[in-house]
């Protein structure tokens, strides 16, 4: 037991020193070491790890976990860090959210002290090795771990039990336009489709093809064929047409700078993108357009 305590005392270095990183083992070791120190704390006093990269949680999966918690309780305590006001989650965000859904007021927890660097790395590792993480959040987590630890893609792949090809492909998703990333985050666009799109340099073409995938229900094979055809057409565009397109891009940039919104300018058409009624109202206000509610 003393040996284990000394090992755990090294913090994340013990985890990273292993040939293959396993967050479940890391969390299990902390729980076993602190079996006698589990306390019940108010769920409302807990806030997310400030370095949590996950932006979305699968509602159906959370509801299933909530049903299990309502019936059996929280089987494994969450791990938290004491903060100025209440606690910050170190591990167990899904359990905490599900416990709230289940109506619990308190949750079993282990209080441990971690510094900011450790909090960031723990959040990233937990997310990489947990289920239902959308591809964009996973790619962001992988990218951040590689930067923090100075890994090559090959070293990361070995440490986390991934193939080098998988790591390369998923990191490529970070090059997608923001509009397309949102479609991937919401799972409106599959990772296989997104991987094909990530290999295309023309951002406008990527957006157009992503929309066609959804509206026309294109298969990955269809998308690959269409992307090759579109790139060939672009390659053969006349200098005059390229000059016109360049001018459109210039107009787009000017309008985007003015409105701070995604804008597309094409022949006889200007498209301005917005997300929800609040953003639309802000957009109209920027354009000095006023209207009276009926």
Protein backbone atom coordinates (compact mmCIF):
# COMPACT_ATOMS: atom_id res chain seq x y z
CA UNK A 1 0.00 0.00 0.00
CA UNK A 2 2.83 2.38 0.83
CA UNK A 3 4.35 1.76 -2.59
CA UNK A 4 1.03 2.59 -4.27
CA UNK A 5 0.70 5.80 -2.29
CA UNK A 6 4.18 6.89 -3.33
CA UNK A 7 3.39 6.09 -6.94
CA UNK A 8 0.14 8.02 -6.85
CA UNK A 9 1.97 10.85 -5.15
CA UNK A 10 3.80 11.43 -8.41
CA UNK A 11 0.51 12.61 -9.90
CA UNK A 12 0.03 12.28 -13.62
CA UNK A 13 3.69 11.44 -14.24
CA UNK A 14 2.91 7.91 -13.00
CA UNK A 15 0.10 7.66 -15.55
CA UNK A 16 2.23 9.02 -18.40
CA UNK A 17 5.16 6.78 -17.52
CA UNK A 18 3.11 3.70 -18.47
CA UNK A 19 3.58 2.27 -21.95
CA UNK A 20 -0.17 2.58 -22.56
CA UNK A 21 -2.27 5.21 -20.77
CA UNK A 22 -5.45 3.93 -19.11
CA UNK A 23 -7.52 6.58 -17.36
CA UNK A 24 -9.82 3.98 -15.78
CA UNK A 25 -6.87 2.47 -13.90
CA UNK A 26 -5.72 5.92 -12.80
CA UNK A 27 -9.17 6.79 -11.44
CA UNK A 28 -9.56 3.35 -9.82
CA UNK A 29 -6.21 3.75 -8.01
CA UNK A 30 -7.29 7.11 -6.57
CA UNK A 31 -10.62 5.63 -5.40
CA UNK A 32 -8.93 2.60 -3.79
CA UNK A 33 -6.35 4.79 -2.05
CA UNK A 34 -9.11 7.02 -0.62
CA UNK A 35 -11.83 4.47 0.20
CA UNK A 36 -12.08 5.81 3.74
CA UNK A 37 -12.20 9.44 2.61
CA UNK A 38 -15.37 9.44 0.50
CA UNK A 39 -17.69 12.31 1.47
CA UNK A 40 -21.16 13.41 0.38
CA UNK A 41 -21.17 16.90 -1.14
CA UNK A 42 -23.94 19.05 -2.60
CA UNK A 43 -24.18 18.67 -6.37
CA UNK A 44 -25.00 22.38 -6.68
CA UNK A 45 -21.59 23.18 -5.16
CA UNK A 46 -19.78 21.42 -8.02
CA UNK A 47 -18.77 23.11 -11.26
CA UNK A 48 -17.16 21.64 -14.35
CA UNK A 49 -13.43 21.33 -14.76
CA UNK A 50 -12.53 24.74 -16.28
CA UNK A 51 -10.34 22.90 -18.79
CA UNK A 52 -13.13 20.54 -19.88
CA UNK A 53 -12.87 20.35 -23.70
CA UNK A 54 -16.17 18.53 -24.17
CA UNK A 55 -18.83 20.94 -25.40
CA UNK A 56 -21.71 18.52 -25.91
CA UNK A 57 -23.07 15.51 -24.01
CA UNK A 58 -25.29 12.86 -25.55
CA UNK A 59 -28.74 13.38 -24.01
CA UNK A 60 -29.93 9.81 -24.54
CA UNK A 61 -26.79 8.37 -22.94
CA UNK A 62 -27.10 10.74 -19.96
CA UNK A 63 -30.75 9.79 -19.44
CA UNK A 64 -29.85 6.09 -19.45
CA UNK A 65 -27.15 6.71 -16.85
CA UNK A 66 -29.61 8.81 -14.82
CA UNK A 67 -32.07 5.87 -14.72
CA UNK A 68 -29.32 3.58 -13.47
CA UNK A 69 -28.30 6.10 -10.80
CA UNK A 70 -31.92 6.56 -9.70
CA UNK A 71 -32.14 2.79 -9.18
CA UNK A 72 -28.69 1.90 -7.83
CA UNK A 73 -27.16 5.21 -6.78
CA UNK A 74 -23.73 6.55 -7.83
CA UNK A 75 -21.57 3.42 -7.72
CA UNK A 76 -18.19 5.14 -8.10
CA UNK A 77 -17.50 8.47 -6.40
CA UNK A 78 -16.52 11.47 -8.49
CA UNK A 79 -13.18 13.18 -7.91
CA UNK A 80 -13.18 16.89 -7.14
CA UNK A 81 -10.81 19.66 -6.18
CA UNK A 82 -11.65 22.26 -3.53
CA UNK A 83 -11.97 25.73 -5.03
CA UNK A 84 -12.69 29.20 -3.67
CA UNK A 85 -16.42 28.57 -4.06
CA UNK A 86 -17.38 24.93 -3.74
CA UNK A 87 -15.60 22.32 -5.86
CA UNK A 88 -14.25 21.78 -9.36
CA UNK A 89 -14.71 18.41 -11.05
CA UNK A 90 -11.57 16.44 -11.76
CA UNK A 91 -13.26 13.27 -13.03
CA UNK A 92 -16.88 12.18 -13.32
CA UNK A 93 -18.71 14.92 -15.25
CA UNK A 94 -21.20 12.50 -16.85
CA UNK A 95 -21.99 10.94 -13.46
CA UNK A 96 -22.58 14.39 -11.97
CA UNK A 97 -24.87 15.52 -14.79
CA UNK A 98 -26.79 12.23 -14.70
CA UNK A 99 -27.14 12.44 -10.91
CA UNK A 100 -28.72 15.89 -11.32
CA UNK A 101 -31.15 14.50 -13.88
CA UNK A 102 -31.98 11.69 -11.44
CA UNK A 103 -32.86 14.31 -8.83
CA UNK A 104 -29.99 13.67 -6.40
CA UNK A 105 -29.01 16.57 -4.16
CA UNK A 106 -25.73 15.05 -2.98
CA UNK A 107 -23.10 12.86 -4.61
CA UNK A 108 -20.25 10.75 -3.16
CA UNK A 109 -16.91 12.38 -3.85
CA UNK A 110 -13.19 12.19 -3.16
CA UNK A 111 -11.46 15.53 -2.65
CA UNK A 112 -7.95 15.70 -4.13
CA UNK A 113 -5.57 18.56 -4.83
CA UNK A 114 -4.38 19.03 -8.41
CA UNK A 115 -2.69 22.01 -10.03
CA UNK A 116 -3.98 23.71 -13.20
CA UNK A 117 -1.68 21.74 -15.52
CA UNK A 118 -2.88 18.44 -14.02
CA UNK A 119 -6.53 19.53 -14.19
CA UNK A 120 -6.13 20.26 -17.90
CA UNK A 121 -4.39 16.97 -18.68
CA UNK A 122 -6.86 14.91 -16.64
CA UNK A 123 -9.82 16.46 -18.48
CA UNK A 124 -8.20 15.82 -21.85
CA UNK A 125 -7.23 12.21 -21.09
CA UNK A 126 -10.61 11.33 -19.59
CA UNK A 127 -12.39 12.67 -22.66
CA UNK A 128 -10.16 10.88 -25.14
CA UNK A 129 -10.83 7.54 -23.43
CA UNK A 130 -14.54 7.98 -22.75
CA UNK A 131 -17.49 7.03 -24.96
CA UNK A 132 -19.79 9.35 -26.96
CA UNK A 133 -17.24 12.12 -27.46
CA UNK A 134 -17.98 13.83 -30.78
CA UNK A 135 -15.10 13.76 -33.31
CA UNK A 136 -14.35 17.50 -33.11
CA UNK A 137 -14.05 17.49 -29.30
CA UNK A 138 -11.89 14.35 -29.53
CA UNK A 139 -9.66 15.94 -32.17
CA UNK A 140 -9.27 19.05 -30.00
CA UNK A 141 -8.38 16.94 -26.96
CA UNK A 142 -5.82 14.90 -28.91
CA UNK A 143 -4.26 18.05 -30.37
CA UNK A 144 -3.95 19.64 -26.92
CA UNK A 145 -2.35 16.55 -25.34
CA UNK A 146 0.16 16.35 -28.20
CA UNK A 147 1.08 20.01 -27.67
CA UNK A 148 1.23 19.78 -23.85
CA UNK A 149 3.36 16.62 -23.82
CA UNK A 150 5.38 17.31 -26.95
CA UNK A 151 4.35 14.00 -28.51
CA UNK A 152 4.64 13.10 -32.15
CA UNK A 153 1.45 11.67 -33.65
CA UNK A 154 3.10 8.24 -33.59
CA UNK A 155 4.00 8.54 -29.89
CA UNK A 156 0.46 9.63 -29.03
CA UNK A 157 -1.01 6.74 -31.01
CA UNK A 158 1.17 4.27 -29.12
CA UNK A 159 0.37 5.76 -25.70
CA UNK A 160 -3.39 5.80 -26.24
CA UNK A 161 -3.79 2.58 -28.20
CA UNK A 162 -4.83 4.31 -31.43
CA UNK A 163 -3.57 3.70 -34.95
CA UNK A 164 -1.33 6.37 -36.49
CA UNK A 165 -3.77 6.64 -39.41
CA UNK A 166 -6.69 7.28 -37.03
CA UNK A 167 -4.79 10.07 -35.25
CA UNK A 168 -3.78 11.72 -38.53
CA UNK A 169 -7.31 11.54 -39.93
CA UNK A 170 -9.07 12.88 -36.84
CA UNK A 171 -6.62 15.77 -36.43
CA UNK A 172 -7.35 16.68 -40.05
CA UNK A 173 -10.93 17.51 -39.00
CA UNK A 174 -9.64 20.61 -37.19
CA UNK A 175 -8.92 22.18 -40.60
CA UNK A 176 -12.61 22.13 -41.53
CA UNK A 177 -14.54 25.45 -41.69
CA UNK A 178 -16.36 26.25 -38.42
CA UNK A 179 -19.73 25.81 -40.12
CA UNK A 180 -18.85 22.23 -41.07
CA UNK A 181 -17.31 21.49 -37.65
CA UNK A 182 -20.68 22.31 -36.07
CA UNK A 183 -22.37 19.74 -38.33
CA UNK A 184 -19.85 17.13 -37.17
CA UNK A 185 -20.30 18.11 -33.50
CA UNK A 186 -24.07 17.69 -33.83
CA UNK A 187 -23.48 14.38 -35.66
CA UNK A 188 -25.36 15.66 -38.72
CA UNK A 189 -22.21 14.78 -40.64
CA UNK A 190 -20.38 11.49 -40.04
CA UNK A 191 -16.66 11.30 -39.31
CA UNK A 192 -16.17 9.36 -42.56
CA UNK A 193 -17.77 12.17 -44.58
CA UNK A 194 -15.85 14.78 -42.59
CA UNK A 195 -12.57 12.97 -43.26
CA UNK A 196 -13.15 13.23 -47.03
CA UNK A 197 -14.01 16.93 -46.72
CA UNK A 198 -10.93 17.64 -44.58
CA UNK A 199 -8.68 16.78 -47.51
CA UNK A 200 -10.17 19.58 -49.65
CA UNK A 201 -8.41 22.95 -49.43
CA UNK A 202 -11.22 25.15 -50.83
CA UNK A 203 -13.29 26.13 -47.78
CA UNK A 204 -16.30 27.23 -49.82
CA UNK A 205 -16.32 23.93 -51.69
CA UNK A 206 -16.17 22.06 -48.37
CA UNK A 207 -19.23 23.95 -47.08
CA UNK A 208 -21.17 23.33 -50.31
CA UNK A 209 -20.36 19.61 -50.33
CA UNK A 210 -21.21 19.23 -46.64
CA UNK A 211 -24.67 20.68 -47.31
CA UNK A 212 -25.14 18.32 -50.26
CA UNK A 213 -24.24 15.33 -48.08
CA UNK A 214 -27.12 16.23 -45.76
CA UNK A 215 -29.74 17.38 -48.30
CA UNK A 216 -29.03 14.65 -50.87
CA UNK A 217 -28.11 11.93 -48.36
CA UNK A 218 -24.81 11.27 -50.15
CA UNK A 219 -22.77 8.18 -49.29
CA UNK A 220 -19.04 8.50 -48.56
CA UNK A 221 -18.33 7.02 -52.00
CA UNK A 222 -20.65 9.58 -53.65
CA UNK A 223 -18.92 12.37 -51.77
CA UNK A 224 -15.44 11.22 -52.78
CA UNK A 225 -16.49 11.07 -56.43
CA UNK A 226 -18.19 14.47 -56.30
CA UNK A 227 -15.26 16.12 -54.52
CA UNK A 228 -12.85 14.84 -57.20
CA UNK A 229 -15.13 16.18 -59.95
CA UNK A 230 -15.53 19.57 -58.25
CA UNK A 231 -11.77 19.91 -57.75
CA UNK A 232 -11.19 19.09 -61.40
CA UNK A 233 -13.72 21.73 -62.46
CA UNK A 234 -12.04 24.28 -60.17
CA UNK A 235 -8.68 23.37 -61.63
CA UNK A 236 -9.95 24.08 -65.15
CA UNK A 237 -11.65 27.41 -64.37
CA UNK A 238 -10.58 30.23 -66.70
CA UNK A 239 -8.38 33.09 -65.40
CA UNK A 240 -11.30 35.49 -65.88
CA UNK A 241 -13.60 33.36 -63.70
CA UNK A 242 -10.85 33.05 -61.07
CA UNK A 243 -10.51 36.84 -61.05
CA UNK A 244 -14.27 37.23 -60.45
CA UNK A 245 -14.17 34.64 -57.64
CA UNK A 246 -11.25 36.48 -56.03
CA UNK A 247 -13.27 39.69 -56.10
CA UNK A 248 -16.23 37.91 -54.49
CA UNK A 249 -13.93 36.68 -51.70
CA UNK A 250 -12.74 40.25 -51.19
CA UNK A 251 -16.34 41.47 -50.83
CA UNK A 252 -17.06 38.60 -48.45
CA UNK A 253 -14.16 39.60 -46.20
CA UNK A 254 -15.26 43.24 -46.11
CA UNK A 255 -18.86 42.30 -45.17
CA UNK A 256 -17.71 39.72 -42.60
CA UNK A 257 -15.45 42.32 -40.94
CA UNK A 258 -18.39 44.72 -40.77
CA UNK A 259 -21.02 42.27 -39.49
CA UNK A 260 -18.81 39.72 -37.75
CA UNK A 261 -20.89 36.96 -39.38
CA UNK A 262 -20.20 34.17 -41.86
CA UNK A 263 -21.00 35.55 -45.34
CA UNK A 264 -20.91 34.08 -48.85
CA UNK A 265 -21.03 36.20 -52.01
CA UNK A 266 -21.73 34.56 -55.37
CA UNK A 267 -23.30 35.62 -58.66
CA UNK A 268 -26.30 37.90 -57.94
CA UNK A 269 -26.52 36.65 -54.36
CA UNK A 270 -25.29 37.46 -50.84
CA UNK A 271 -25.85 34.86 -48.10
CA UNK A 272 -25.49 35.80 -44.43
CA UNK A 273 -25.48 32.96 -41.90
CA UNK A 274 -26.79 33.22 -38.34
CA UNK A 275 -27.53 30.84 -35.48
CA UNK A 276 -30.89 31.46 -33.82
CA UNK A 277 -33.25 34.39 -33.40
CA UNK A 278 -31.00 36.27 -30.94
CA UNK A 279 -28.12 36.30 -33.39
CA UNK A 280 -30.50 37.39 -36.18
CA UNK A 281 -31.71 40.34 -34.09
CA UNK A 282 -28.11 41.36 -33.34
CA UNK A 283 -27.36 41.12 -37.05
CA UNK A 284 -30.31 43.36 -37.97
CA UNK A 285 -29.21 45.87 -35.36
CA UNK A 286 -25.71 45.98 -36.91
CA UNK A 287 -27.38 46.65 -40.27
CA UNK A 288 -29.45 49.43 -38.65
CA UNK A 289 -32.70 47.63 -39.56
CA UNK A 290 -35.51 48.24 -37.10
CA UNK A 291 -38.94 46.65 -36.92
CA UNK A 292 -41.91 46.87 -34.58
CA UNK A 293 -43.35 43.74 -32.94
CA UNK A 294 -47.00 43.25 -33.80
